[in-house]
Amino acid sequence: MRGKQGLYKFFNKRIYTSPELFIKIFATNLVKIVFDIFSYL
């Protein structure tokens, strides 16, 4: 959990610098979330 929060903090810093990067991160996170849901099924 701690590692994930560190990643989110890192991404939050990046988001402010570039909206395009935010979109990329959001898309990749969305894919990860979908895979996580399928792995739980």
Protein backbone atom coordinates (compact mmCIF):
# COMPACT_ATOMS: atom_id res chain seq x y z
CA MET A 1 0.00 0.00 0.00
CA ARG A 2 2.84 2.38 0.90
CA GLY A 3 4.46 1.85 -2.49
CA LYS A 4 1.21 2.66 -4.29
CA GLN A 5 0.81 5.92 -2.34
CA GLY A 6 4.37 6.85 -3.29
CA LEU A 7 3.52 6.25 -6.95
CA TYR A 8 0.37 8.36 -6.67
CA LYS A 9 2.37 11.22 -5.12
CA PHE A 10 4.90 10.94 -7.96
CA PHE A 11 2.11 10.93 -10.54
CA ASN A 12 0.34 13.87 -8.87
CA LYS A 13 3.52 15.95 -9.30
CA ARG A 14 3.67 14.94 -12.96
CA ILE A 15 -0.02 15.66 -13.58
CA TYR A 16 0.44 19.35 -12.75
CA THR A 17 3.23 19.63 -15.34
CA SER A 18 1.46 17.88 -18.22
CA PRO A 19 -2.24 17.12 -18.81
CA GLU A 20 -1.29 14.69 -21.59
CA LEU A 21 0.68 12.63 -19.09
CA PHE A 22 -2.34 12.67 -16.75
CA ILE A 23 -4.47 11.17 -19.54
CA LYS A 24 -1.84 8.47 -20.17
CA ILE A 25 -1.61 7.63 -16.46
CA PHE A 26 -5.41 7.57 -16.12
CA ALA A 27 -5.71 5.22 -19.12
CA THR A 28 -3.03 2.84 -17.81
CA ASN A 29 -4.53 2.89 -14.31
CA LEU A 30 -7.96 2.14 -15.78
CA VAL A 31 -6.53 -0.91 -17.58
CA LYS A 32 -4.84 -2.05 -14.34
CA ILE A 33 -8.09 -1.65 -12.38
CA VAL A 34 -9.99 -3.71 -14.98
CA PHE A 35 -7.36 -6.47 -14.81
CA ASP A 36 -7.49 -6.40 -10.99
CA ILE A 37 -11.28 -6.82 -11.08
CA PHE A 38 -10.98 -9.78 -13.47
CA SER A 39 -8.28 -11.39 -11.31
CA TYR A 40 -10.62 -11.23 -8.29
CA LEU A 41 -13.47 -12.96 -10.16
